[in-house]
Amino acid sequence: MKANDFDDGGSVMPFADMPQAERPNLKTKRVNVDFPAWMVEALDKEAAHLGVSRQALVKV
């Protein structure tokens, strides 16, 4: 399947082996991270450019 097939509404499900599919470990753990000021400013700038929060950007 090519990307444009998916863009045109095609489904990837025929290519998935559902009996073998597994859910990833969805447990989360909160951590604190210290960033230098210049990195926080860069994150804020990129987050504003993408229209998301800083937290959403870091989660990606």
N, C-alpha and C. Protein backbone atom coordinates (compact mmCIF):
# COMPACT_ATOMS: atom_id res chain seq x y z
N MET A 1 0.85 -1.18 0.00
CA MET A 1 0.00 0.00 0.00
C MET A 1 0.89 1.23 0.00
N LYS A 2 0.58 2.15 -0.84
CA LYS A 2 1.31 3.41 -0.92
C LYS A 2 0.61 4.45 -0.04
N ALA A 3 1.33 5.48 0.35
CA ALA A 3 0.77 6.52 1.21
C ALA A 3 -0.44 7.18 0.57
N ASN A 4 -0.39 7.40 -0.74
CA ASN A 4 -1.53 8.07 -1.38
C ASN A 4 -2.78 7.19 -1.36
N ASP A 5 -2.64 5.85 -1.30
CA ASP A 5 -3.81 4.98 -1.16
C ASP A 5 -4.50 5.25 0.17
N PHE A 6 -3.70 5.41 1.21
CA PHE A 6 -4.25 5.71 2.53
C PHE A 6 -4.88 7.09 2.54
N ASP A 7 -4.22 8.06 1.90
CA ASP A 7 -4.75 9.42 1.83
C ASP A 7 -6.08 9.45 1.09
N ASP A 8 -6.26 8.53 0.14
CA ASP A 8 -7.50 8.48 -0.63
C ASP A 8 -8.59 7.69 0.08
N GLY A 9 -8.36 7.33 1.34
CA GLY A 9 -9.39 6.66 2.13
C GLY A 9 -9.21 5.16 2.24
N GLY A 10 -8.12 4.62 1.70
CA GLY A 10 -7.86 3.19 1.80
C GLY A 10 -7.62 2.77 3.24
N SER A 11 -7.79 1.49 3.50
CA SER A 11 -7.61 0.96 4.85
C SER A 11 -6.34 0.12 4.92
N VAL A 12 -5.65 0.22 6.04
CA VAL A 12 -4.46 -0.59 6.26
C VAL A 12 -4.80 -1.92 6.93
N MET A 13 -6.05 -2.10 7.34
CA MET A 13 -6.44 -3.29 8.08
C MET A 13 -6.18 -4.60 7.34
N PRO A 14 -6.34 -4.67 6.02
CA PRO A 14 -6.03 -5.94 5.34
C PRO A 14 -4.55 -6.34 5.48
N PHE A 15 -3.70 -5.39 5.81
CA PHE A 15 -2.28 -5.66 5.94
C PHE A 15 -1.87 -5.95 7.38
N ALA A 16 -2.80 -5.83 8.32
CA ALA A 16 -2.50 -6.04 9.74
C ALA A 16 -2.79 -7.49 10.12
N ASP A 17 -1.92 -8.08 10.91
CA ASP A 17 -2.10 -9.44 11.41
C ASP A 17 -2.72 -9.32 12.80
N MET A 18 -4.03 -9.14 12.85
CA MET A 18 -4.72 -8.84 14.11
C MET A 18 -4.57 -9.93 15.17
N PRO A 19 -4.55 -11.23 14.83
CA PRO A 19 -4.36 -12.22 15.90
C PRO A 19 -3.01 -12.07 16.61
N GLN A 20 -2.03 -11.48 15.95
CA GLN A 20 -0.72 -11.30 16.55
C GLN A 20 -0.54 -9.91 17.17
N ALA A 21 -1.54 -9.05 17.03
CA ALA A 21 -1.44 -7.67 17.53
C ALA A 21 -1.45 -7.67 19.06
N GLU A 22 -0.65 -6.78 19.63
CA GLU A 22 -0.60 -6.61 21.08
C GLU A 22 -0.71 -5.14 21.43
N ARG A 23 -1.31 -4.86 22.57
CA ARG A 23 -1.36 -3.49 23.05
C ARG A 23 -0.02 -3.16 23.69
N PRO A 24 0.48 -1.96 23.44
CA PRO A 24 1.73 -1.57 24.10
C PRO A 24 1.49 -1.36 25.59
N ASN A 25 2.56 -1.33 26.33
CA ASN A 25 2.47 -1.05 27.76
C ASN A 25 2.01 0.40 27.93
N LEU A 26 0.77 0.59 28.33
CA LEU A 26 0.18 1.93 28.39
C LEU A 26 0.34 2.60 29.76
N LYS A 27 1.06 1.97 30.67
CA LYS A 27 1.26 2.59 31.97
C LYS A 27 2.14 3.82 31.82
N THR A 28 1.78 4.87 32.52
CA THR A 28 2.57 6.09 32.46
C THR A 28 3.22 6.34 33.81
N LYS A 29 4.26 7.12 33.79
CA LYS A 29 4.94 7.50 35.02
C LYS A 29 5.33 8.96 34.89
N ARG A 30 5.00 9.73 35.90
CA ARG A 30 5.32 11.16 35.90
C ARG A 30 6.78 11.34 36.29
N VAL A 31 7.46 12.18 35.53
CA VAL A 31 8.86 12.50 35.83
C VAL A 31 9.04 14.00 35.75
N ASN A 32 10.00 14.50 36.47
CA ASN A 32 10.36 15.92 36.41
C ASN A 32 11.67 16.03 35.65
N VAL A 33 11.70 16.96 34.71
CA VAL A 33 12.90 17.16 33.91
C VAL A 33 13.26 18.64 33.95
N ASP A 34 14.51 18.93 34.19
CA ASP A 34 14.98 20.32 34.17
C ASP A 34 15.63 20.59 32.82
N PHE A 35 15.16 21.65 32.16
CA PHE A 35 15.73 22.07 30.88
C PHE A 35 16.38 23.44 31.07
N PRO A 36 17.43 23.71 30.32
CA PRO A 36 17.98 25.07 30.35
C PRO A 36 16.97 26.05 29.76
N ALA A 37 17.07 27.31 30.16
CA ALA A 37 16.11 28.33 29.72
C ALA A 37 16.03 28.41 28.20
N TRP A 38 17.19 28.31 27.51
CA TRP A 38 17.16 28.43 26.05
C TRP A 38 16.35 27.30 25.42
N MET A 39 16.37 26.10 26.05
CA MET A 39 15.62 24.98 25.50
C MET A 39 14.12 25.17 25.72
N VAL A 40 13.75 25.70 26.89
CA VAL A 40 12.34 25.98 27.16
C VAL A 40 11.82 27.01 26.16
N GLU A 41 12.62 28.03 25.89
CA GLU A 41 12.22 29.04 24.90
C GLU A 41 12.06 28.42 23.52
N ALA A 42 12.97 27.52 23.15
CA ALA A 42 12.87 26.85 21.85
C ALA A 42 11.64 25.95 21.79
N LEU A 43 11.36 25.25 22.89
CA LEU A 43 10.16 24.40 22.94
C LEU A 43 8.90 25.24 22.83
N ASP A 44 8.87 26.37 23.54
CA ASP A 44 7.71 27.26 23.47
C ASP A 44 7.50 27.80 22.06
N LYS A 45 8.58 28.16 21.41
CA LYS A 45 8.49 28.69 20.05
C LYS A 45 7.95 27.63 19.10
N GLU A 46 8.48 26.42 19.20
CA GLU A 46 8.03 25.33 18.31
C GLU A 46 6.58 24.95 18.63
N ALA A 47 6.23 24.92 19.91
CA ALA A 47 4.86 24.59 20.30
C ALA A 47 3.89 25.62 19.75
N ALA A 48 4.25 26.90 19.82
CA ALA A 48 3.40 27.95 19.26
C ALA A 48 3.28 27.80 17.75
N HIS A 49 4.37 27.46 17.10
CA HIS A 49 4.36 27.26 15.64
C HIS A 49 3.42 26.12 15.26
N LEU A 50 3.41 25.04 16.07
CA LEU A 50 2.56 23.89 15.78
C LEU A 50 1.15 24.03 16.34
N GLY A 51 0.94 25.04 17.19
CA GLY A 51 -0.38 25.25 17.78
C GLY A 51 -0.72 24.23 18.87
N VAL A 52 0.30 23.79 19.60
CA VAL A 52 0.09 22.84 20.69
C VAL A 52 0.76 23.38 21.95
N SER A 53 0.52 22.72 23.05
CA SER A 53 1.15 23.14 24.30
C SER A 53 2.58 22.60 24.36
N ARG A 54 3.37 23.17 25.24
CA ARG A 54 4.74 22.68 25.44
C ARG A 54 4.70 21.22 25.89
N GLN A 55 3.78 20.91 26.79
CA GLN A 55 3.68 19.54 27.29
C GLN A 55 3.37 18.56 26.16
N ALA A 56 2.45 18.94 25.28
CA ALA A 56 2.12 18.07 24.15
C ALA A 56 3.33 17.85 23.25
N LEU A 57 4.11 18.89 23.05
CA LEU A 57 5.30 18.78 22.22
C LEU A 57 6.32 17.85 22.87
N VAL A 58 6.52 17.96 24.17
CA VAL A 58 7.49 17.11 24.86
C VAL A 58 7.02 15.66 24.86
N LYS A 59 5.73 15.41 24.95
CA LYS A 59 5.21 14.04 24.95
C LYS A 59 5.46 13.34 23.62
N VAL A 60 5.58 14.11 22.56
CA VAL A 60 5.82 13.50 21.25
C VAL A 60 7.24 13.04 21.20
